[in-house]
Amino acid sequence: MNAYIKLGWVLPTIMEQFKGLDKEKLDNRRKKGQLEEGVIWKKAGDNRIYYHFENWDNFVENGQ
């Protein structure tokens, strides 16, 4: 049996660890408006930036 766990909104360190995405590069793309707010990233109530783990795959595959 294969199990799949959705991670949803995660901190940049998780994106770096599991997807190889450097935090600085993510921040630069976000600040340039290349990543859609609310879909790929969001700023939470604790003022931290979170990225959507699964939506990133869709962004890479479809450019959306």
PDB file of N, CA and C in Angstrom:
ATOM      1  N   MET A   1       0.828  -1.170   0.000  1.00  0.00           N
ATOM      2  CA  MET A   1       0.000   0.000   0.000  1.00  0.00           C
ATOM      3  C   MET A   1       0.885   1.250   0.000  1.00  0.00           C
ATOM      4  N   ASN A   2       0.608   2.172  -0.903  1.00  0.00           N
ATOM      5  CA  ASN A   2       1.336   3.430  -0.949  1.00  0.00           C
ATOM      6  C   ASN A   2       0.505   4.511  -0.288  1.00  0.00           C
ATOM      7  N   ALA A   3       1.103   5.211   0.640  1.00  0.00           N
ATOM      8  CA  ALA A   3       0.412   6.299   1.328  1.00  0.00           C
ATOM      9  C   ALA A   3       0.902   7.625   0.779  1.00  0.00           C
ATOM     10  N   TYR A   4      -0.007   8.585   0.683  1.00  0.00           N
ATOM     11  CA  TYR A   4       0.336   9.911   0.221  1.00  0.00           C
ATOM     12  C   TYR A   4      -0.213  10.914   1.221  1.00  0.00           C
ATOM     13  N   ILE A   5       0.654  11.752   1.726  1.00  0.00           N
ATOM     14  CA  ILE A   5       0.246  12.764   2.692  1.00  0.00           C
ATOM     15  C   ILE A   5       0.371  14.131   2.035  1.00  0.00           C
ATOM     16  N   LYS A   6      -0.719  14.879   2.002  1.00  0.00           N
ATOM     17  CA  LYS A   6      -0.673  16.244   1.495  1.00  0.00           C
ATOM     18  C   LYS A   6      -0.086  17.139   2.569  1.00  0.00           C
ATOM     19  N   LEU A   7       0.859  17.971   2.159  1.00  0.00           N
ATOM     20  CA  LEU A   7       1.493  18.874   3.110  1.00  0.00           C
ATOM     21  C   LEU A   7       0.851  20.253   3.122  1.00  0.00           C
ATOM     22  N   GLY A   8       0.280  20.678   1.999  1.00  0.00           N
ATOM     23  CA  GLY A   8      -0.375  21.985   1.951  1.00  0.00           C
ATOM     24  C   GLY A   8       0.606  23.130   2.125  1.00  0.00           C
ATOM     25  N   TRP A   9       0.257  24.080   3.002  1.00  0.00           N
ATOM     26  CA  TRP A   9       1.069  25.281   3.211  1.00  0.00           C
ATOM     27  C   TRP A   9       2.231  24.955   4.135  1.00  0.00           C
ATOM     28  N   VAL A  10       3.444  25.208   3.623  1.00  0.00           N
ATOM     29  CA  VAL A  10       4.654  24.891   4.383  1.00  0.00           C
ATOM     30  C   VAL A  10       5.618  26.077   4.366  1.00  0.00           C
ATOM     31  N   LEU A  11       6.534  26.067   5.287  1.00  0.00           N
ATOM     32  CA  LEU A  11       7.570  27.097   5.344  1.00  0.00           C
ATOM     33  C   LEU A  11       8.612  26.865   4.250  1.00  0.00           C
ATOM     34  N   PRO A  12       9.339  27.919   3.884  1.00  0.00           N
ATOM     35  CA  PRO A  12      10.354  27.789   2.828  1.00  0.00           C
ATOM     36  C   PRO A  12      11.388  26.700   3.090  1.00  0.00           C
ATOM     37  N   THR A  13      11.685  26.428   4.352  1.00  0.00           N
ATOM     38  CA  THR A  13      12.678  25.389   4.655  1.00  0.00           C
ATOM     39  C   THR A  13      12.229  24.016   4.163  1.00  0.00           C
ATOM     40  N   ILE A  14      10.922  23.761   4.200  1.00  0.00           N
ATOM     41  CA  ILE A  14      10.390  22.481   3.706  1.00  0.00           C
ATOM     42  C   ILE A  14      10.503  22.429   2.187  1.00  0.00           C
ATOM     43  N   MET A  15      10.196  23.556   1.526  1.00  0.00           N
ATOM     44  CA  MET A  15      10.323  23.614   0.060  1.00  0.00           C
ATOM     45  C   MET A  15      11.771  23.366  -0.354  1.00  0.00           C
ATOM     46  N   GLU A  16      12.680  23.923   0.417  1.00  0.00           N
ATOM     47  CA  GLU A  16      14.106  23.742   0.109  1.00  0.00           C
ATOM     48  C   GLU A  16      14.523  22.295   0.337  1.00  0.00           C
ATOM     49  N   GLN A  17      14.098  21.724   1.433  1.00  0.00           N
ATOM     50  CA  GLN A  17      14.499  20.366   1.786  1.00  0.00           C
ATOM     51  C   GLN A  17      13.941  19.320   0.822  1.00  0.00           C
ATOM     52  N   PHE A  18      12.673  19.437   0.451  1.00  0.00           N
ATOM     53  CA  PHE A  18      12.032  18.393  -0.336  1.00  0.00           C
ATOM     54  C   PHE A  18      11.949  18.678  -1.833  1.00  0.00           C
ATOM     55  N   LYS A  19      12.060  19.939  -2.223  1.00  0.00           N
ATOM     56  CA  LYS A  19      11.961  20.274  -3.640  1.00  0.00           C
ATOM     57  C   LYS A  19      13.223  20.937  -4.179  1.00  0.00           C
ATOM     58  N   GLY A  20      14.184  21.219  -3.296  1.00  0.00           N
ATOM     59  CA  GLY A  20      15.445  21.807  -3.727  1.00  0.00           C
ATOM     60  C   GLY A  20      15.329  23.276  -4.111  1.00  0.00           C
ATOM     61  N   LEU A  21      14.335  23.969  -3.553  1.00  0.00           N
ATOM     62  CA  LEU A  21      14.106  25.376  -3.885  1.00  0.00           C
ATOM     63  C   LEU A  21      14.703  26.267  -2.811  1.00  0.00           C
ATOM     64  N   ASP A  22      15.719  27.003  -3.185  1.00  0.00           N
ATOM     65  CA  ASP A  22      16.414  27.900  -2.275  1.00  0.00           C
ATOM     66  C   ASP A  22      15.479  29.016  -1.801  1.00  0.00           C
ATOM     67  N   LYS A  23      15.496  29.313  -0.514  1.00  0.00           N
ATOM     68  CA  LYS A  23      14.612  30.326   0.065  1.00  0.00           C
ATOM     69  C   LYS A  23      14.807  31.681  -0.606  1.00  0.00           C
ATOM     70  N   GLU A  24      16.041  32.073  -0.839  1.00  0.00           N
ATOM     71  CA  GLU A  24      16.311  33.366  -1.474  1.00  0.00           C
ATOM     72  C   GLU A  24      15.721  33.439  -2.874  1.00  0.00           C
ATOM     73  N   LYS A  25      15.834  32.380  -3.630  1.00  0.00           N
ATOM     74  CA  LYS A  25      15.279  32.356  -4.982  1.00  0.00           C
ATOM     75  C   LYS A  25      13.755  32.414  -4.953  1.00  0.00           C
ATOM     76  N   LEU A  26      13.148  31.703  -4.012  1.00  0.00           N
ATOM     77  CA  LEU A  26      11.694  31.771  -3.852  1.00  0.00           C
ATOM     78  C   LEU A  26      11.273  33.195  -3.506  1.00  0.00           C
ATOM     79  N   ASP A  27      11.978  33.811  -2.562  1.00  0.00           N
ATOM     80  CA  ASP A  27      11.663  35.181  -2.163  1.00  0.00           C
ATOM     81  C   ASP A  27      11.790  36.147  -3.342  1.00  0.00           C
ATOM     82  N   ASN A  28      12.839  36.002  -4.140  1.00  0.00           N
ATOM     83  CA  ASN A  28      13.038  36.878  -5.296  1.00  0.00           C
ATOM     84  C   ASN A  28      11.908  36.724  -6.309  1.00  0.00           C
ATOM     85  N   ARG A  29      11.524  35.495  -6.595  1.00  0.00           N
ATOM     86  CA  ARG A  29      10.436  35.256  -7.554  1.00  0.00           C
ATOM     87  C   ARG A  29       9.117  35.806  -7.012  1.00  0.00           C
ATOM     88  N   ARG A  30       8.894  35.658  -5.731  1.00  0.00           N
ATOM     89  CA  ARG A  30       7.672  36.167  -5.102  1.00  0.00           C
ATOM     90  C   ARG A  30       7.636  37.685  -5.192  1.00  0.00           C
ATOM     91  N   LYS A  31       8.741  38.347  -4.864  1.00  0.00           N
ATOM     92  CA  LYS A  31       8.808  39.806  -4.870  1.00  0.00           C
ATOM     93  C   LYS A  31       8.688  40.385  -6.283  1.00  0.00           C
ATOM     94  N   LYS A  32       9.114  39.630  -7.287  1.00  0.00           N
ATOM     95  CA  LYS A  32       9.002  40.069  -8.680  1.00  0.00           C
ATOM     96  C   LYS A  32       7.606  39.826  -9.244  1.00  0.00           C
ATOM     97  N   GLY A  33       6.744  39.174  -8.459  1.00  0.00           N
ATOM     98  CA  GLY A  33       5.386  38.900  -8.910  1.00  0.00           C
ATOM     99  C   GLY A  33       5.265  37.689  -9.816  1.00  0.00           C
ATOM    100  N   GLN A  34       6.259  36.828  -9.809  1.00  0.00           N
ATOM    101  CA  GLN A  34       6.256  35.645 -10.662  1.00  0.00           C
ATOM    102  C   GLN A  34       5.459  34.491 -10.052  1.00  0.00           C
ATOM    103  N   LEU A  35       5.123  34.598  -8.784  1.00  0.00           N
ATOM    104  CA  LEU A  35       4.368  33.553  -8.093  1.00  0.00           C
ATOM    105  C   LEU A  35       3.057  34.141  -7.597  1.00  0.00           C
ATOM    106  N   GLU A  36       1.962  33.466  -7.894  1.00  0.00           N
ATOM    107  CA  GLU A  36       0.643  33.997  -7.567  1.00  0.00           C
ATOM    108  C   GLU A  36       0.340  33.897  -6.068  1.00  0.00           C
ATOM    109  N   GLU A  37       0.026  35.051  -5.494  1.00  0.00           N
ATOM    110  CA  GLU A  37      -0.322  35.096  -4.076  1.00  0.00           C
ATOM    111  C   GLU A  37      -1.655  34.385  -3.851  1.00  0.00           C
ATOM    112  N   GLY A  38      -1.719  33.615  -2.788  1.00  0.00           N
ATOM    113  CA  GLY A  38      -2.934  32.879  -2.457  1.00  0.00           C
ATOM    114  C   GLY A  38      -3.009  31.515  -3.107  1.00  0.00           C
ATOM    115  N   VAL A  39      -2.174  31.286  -4.110  1.00  0.00           N
ATOM    116  CA  VAL A  39      -2.134  29.989  -4.789  1.00  0.00           C
ATOM    117  C   VAL A  39      -0.793  29.311  -4.521  1.00  0.00           C
ATOM    118  N   ILE A  40       0.289  30.005  -4.795  1.00  0.00           N
ATOM    119  CA  ILE A  40       1.632  29.466  -4.588  1.00  0.00           C
ATOM    120  C   ILE A  40       2.195  29.903  -3.241  1.00  0.00           C
ATOM    121  N   TRP A  41       1.897  31.119  -2.843  1.00  0.00           N
ATOM    122  CA  TRP A  41       2.400  31.617  -1.561  1.00  0.00           C
ATOM    123  C   TRP A  41       1.351  32.471  -0.868  1.00  0.00           C
ATOM    124  N   LYS A  42       1.536  32.626   0.444  1.00  0.00           N
ATOM    125  CA  LYS A  42       0.695  33.538   1.208  1.00  0.00           C
ATOM    126  C   LYS A  42       1.426  33.950   2.472  1.00  0.00           C
ATOM    127  N   LYS A  43       1.022  35.102   2.972  1.00  0.00           N
ATOM    128  CA  LYS A  43       1.558  35.594   4.232  1.00  0.00           C
ATOM    129  C   LYS A  43       0.507  35.316   5.293  1.00  0.00           C
ATOM    130  N   ALA A  44       0.886  34.572   6.282  1.00  0.00           N
ATOM    131  CA  ALA A  44      -0.053  34.154   7.326  1.00  0.00           C
ATOM    132  C   ALA A  44      -0.135  35.195   8.435  1.00  0.00           C
ATOM    133  N   GLY A  45      -1.011  34.974   9.365  1.00  0.00           N
ATOM    134  CA  GLY A  45      -1.220  35.879  10.489  1.00  0.00           C
ATOM    135  C   GLY A  45       0.006  36.075  11.358  1.00  0.00           C
ATOM    136  N   ASP A  46       0.932  35.145  11.298  1.00  0.00           N
ATOM    137  CA  ASP A  46       2.166  35.278  12.082  1.00  0.00           C
ATOM    138  C   ASP A  46       3.252  36.027  11.293  1.00  0.00           C
ATOM    139  N   ASN A  47       2.866  36.641  10.152  1.00  0.00           N
ATOM    140  CA  ASN A  47       3.757  37.410   9.273  1.00  0.00           C
ATOM    141  C   ASN A  47       4.855  36.577   8.621  1.00  0.00           C
ATOM    142  N   ARG A  48       4.655  35.271   8.573  1.00  0.00           N
ATOM    143  CA  ARG A  48       5.611  34.400   7.890  1.00  0.00           C
ATOM    144  C   ARG A  48       5.052  34.043   6.523  1.00  0.00           C
ATOM    145  N   ILE A  49       5.953  33.838   5.578  1.00  0.00           N
ATOM    146  CA  ILE A  49       5.579  33.446   4.231  1.00  0.00           C
ATOM    147  C   ILE A  49       5.518  31.926   4.163  1.00  0.00           C
ATOM    148  N   TYR A  50       4.415  31.429   3.598  1.00  0.00           N
ATOM    149  CA  TYR A  50       4.222  29.993   3.404  1.00  0.00           C
ATOM    150  C   TYR A  50       4.037  29.726   1.916  1.00  0.00           C
ATOM    151  N   TYR A  51       4.470  28.560   1.469  1.00  0.00           N
ATOM    152  CA  TYR A  51       4.305  28.136   0.083  1.00  0.00           C
ATOM    153  C   TYR A  51       3.462  26.868   0.066  1.00  0.00           C
ATOM    154  N   HIS A  52       2.652  26.733  -0.983  1.00  0.00           N
ATOM    155  CA  HIS A  52       1.797  25.552  -1.079  1.00  0.00           C
ATOM    156  C   HIS A  52       2.569  24.435  -1.792  1.00  0.00           C
ATOM    157  N   PHE A  53       2.822  23.389  -1.055  1.00  0.00           N
ATOM    158  CA  PHE A  53       3.672  22.286  -1.513  1.00  0.00           C
ATOM    159  C   PHE A  53       3.145  21.654  -2.796  1.00  0.00           C
ATOM    160  N   GLU A  54       1.868  21.296  -2.825  1.00  0.00           N
ATOM    161  CA  GLU A  54       1.303  20.616  -3.999  1.00  0.00           C
ATOM    162  C   GLU A  54       1.033  21.575  -5.156  1.00  0.00           C
ATOM    163  N   ASN A  55       0.623  22.798  -4.862  1.00  0.00           N
ATOM    164  CA  ASN A  55       0.371  23.757  -5.936  1.00  0.00           C
ATOM    165  C   ASN A  55       1.639  24.106  -6.698  1.00  0.00           C
ATOM    166  N   TRP A  56       2.777  23.981  -6.041  1.00  0.00           N
ATOM    167  CA  TRP A  56       4.039  24.234  -6.725  1.00  0.00           C
ATOM    168  C   TRP A  56       4.201  23.262  -7.902  1.00  0.00           C
ATOM    169  N   ASP A  57       3.837  22.006  -7.709  1.00  0.00           N
ATOM    170  CA  ASP A  57       3.930  21.019  -8.777  1.00  0.00           C
ATOM    171  C   ASP A  57       3.084  21.417  -9.973  1.00  0.00           C
ATOM    172  N   ASN A  58       1.871  21.876  -9.728  1.00  0.00           N
ATOM    173  CA  ASN A  58       0.988  22.330 -10.803  1.00  0.00           C
ATOM    174  C   ASN A  58       1.601  23.532 -11.518  1.00  0.00           C
ATOM    175  N   PHE A  59       2.193  24.444 -10.758  1.00  0.00           N
ATOM    176  CA  PHE A  59       2.853  25.612 -11.338  1.00  0.00           C
ATOM    177  C   PHE A  59       3.983  25.180 -12.277  1.00  0.00           C
ATOM    178  N   VAL A  60       4.783  24.228 -11.847  1.00  0.00           N
ATOM    179  CA  VAL A  60       5.909  23.755 -12.652  1.00  0.00           C
ATOM    180  C   VAL A  60       5.410  23.020 -13.899  1.00  0.00           C
ATOM    181  N   GLU A  61       4.404  22.170 -13.740  1.00  0.00           N
ATOM    182  CA  GLU A  61       3.910  21.365 -14.842  1.00  0.00           C
ATOM    183  C   GLU A  61       3.142  22.190 -15.879  1.00  0.00           C
ATOM    184  N   ASN A  62       2.375  23.173 -15.412  1.00  0.00           N
ATOM    185  CA  ASN A  62       1.492  23.910 -16.308  1.00  0.00           C
ATOM    186  C   ASN A  62       1.845  25.383 -16.474  1.00  0.00           C
ATOM    187  N   GLY A  63       2.812  25.860 -15.710  1.00  0.00           N
ATOM    188  CA  GLY A  63       3.175  27.260 -15.778  1.00  0.00           C
ATOM    189  C   GLY A  63       2.106  28.170 -15.221  1.00  0.00           C
ATOM    190  N   GLN A  64       1.255  27.655 -14.354  1.00  0.00           N
ATOM    191  CA  GLN A  64       0.158  28.440 -13.790  1.00  0.00           C
ATOM    192  C   GLN A  64       0.223  28.411 -12.287  1.00  0.00           C
TER     193      GLN A  64
END
